[in-house]
Amino acid sequence: MTQLDTRNCDWLTRPETQNLLQVLNADDAITRCVGGCVRDTLLGVAGRDTEVDMATNLTPEQVMERLKAAGIKAVGTGLRHGTVSAIIHTEDATLIYEITSLRVDVATDGRHAKVAFTQDWQGDAARRDFTINALYADADATLHDPTGYGLDDIKACRVRFIGVAAERIEEDYLRVLRYFRFHYRLTPEAKLDEAALSACAAAAPAMKTLSGERRQAEMLKIMALPQAHKAARAMQEAGLLEAILGSPCKDIDRIDTLDALVETTEDPLLRLMAIMPDAASGAALAQSLRLSKKQAERIRAALCDAPKGQSLEQALYLDGPVAVLDRAYLDFAKGRGTRDAVLAAARQAADYQRPKFPLTGAMMQAAGLPNGPTMGVMSRLIEAWWVDEGFPDEAAVAAQLLVRMEK
């Protein structure tokens, strides 16, 4: 039998994993590690902090019972679908193991599946997405390849749907994004499989049925890839990108901006912004992908053009260092800025200390301005003047206040 190299398998050999497997494998039950942890170990990119998923022929209720009896915290994170989380606290980390009962799909709608629990390892493997994700490892590192293709595909760095690509995609449309992510992570120079690409393209109308959060998570992972621009271009050419993002990005030349940006920053959100033609499209993107308010505001600030003649210091004060640096990167990628401008913005953003607006309520009271909304209006007017004038000192602000009071 083929085995994992335990010298590069810290996640499997650590005591917590071995103890958990011993608990679950008592009385002839079978529990194996599966998916990403096995795949990444074989690819040589796994580490001690690798997330560990397990598959078991126990029912979810049996898993819960065994964990509780062993004093291991058990959380029924997805009992309907057969998943229980085992949470183990160590001195330096909290380990979370996702343990899922062997299952087969009874019915699917492209987003959710109704499952039946089984004892069939072959059937469990058949419902997974790619052959490289359907590899199982026992506690002693013995490998199992139920599809018969997983190990060969790992060696060839080949991303292959299990069975018929269209059928796997219909079970969960998110697999379209996962296909592009794994392909451009493992074999970015290789040609996409024609049958798989055709099945992905046919699923474009169904992308809108996926939640924004799920599309967001996958797109940010894709944008974090060294070959993010190639993945985006392939999805665009397949007619998928606009459907996935839920925002206009029809002009394929916009991927050229991402081509340039990939060389200068690894920031996935900034790379995603490069595809957007304007702030309105960025806002639509943020809403579609259910981005956080902080992420949405960052997109807005980066894609809004700064007023002509605005200095770097003024932009830093009004929009903040993150927006200034984002704009510098995007301008460079679009051919409107230089690498030196990016470096200058990065230096100033890193060292930036926002100046304090010197006008105070006490100053306005002393000048005879009554308390209330009028003070707020005056403060905003003078602050705008103060920024336009290049941040003069308190004496100049006091003088400007008197001038405005006289009007």
Foldseek 3Di string as FASTA:
>chain_A
DDFQDVVQQLCLPDPVNLVLQVLQCPPNWFKWWFFPSVLCSLLVNDHNQDATEMETQDALVVSCVSCVVVVWDWDCPDNQQAWIWTWDDDPPDIHIYIYGYQWAFPDAQQADTRIDGDPDLLRSLLLDFWQLRSWIAGSVRDIDRSLVCNVVCSVVLHTHTRDQLLVSNRRHVLVLLVSLLSCCQRPVPDDDDPRNLLSNLVCQVVLLVYALQSLLVSQLSLLLHLVSLSSLLSCLVSVRNCSSQVFDQNPSCLSLLLVQLSVPDSRSLLSVLSSDPALVRLLSSCVRNVPDPVSNLLSNLQRDDDDPPQDLLLCCQPPNLSSLLSNQSSCVSVVNHDPVSNVVSVVCRVPPDHDDDQDDPVLLVVLPDDDDPVVVVLVVVLVVVCSVVPNDDPVVSSVVSNVVVVD
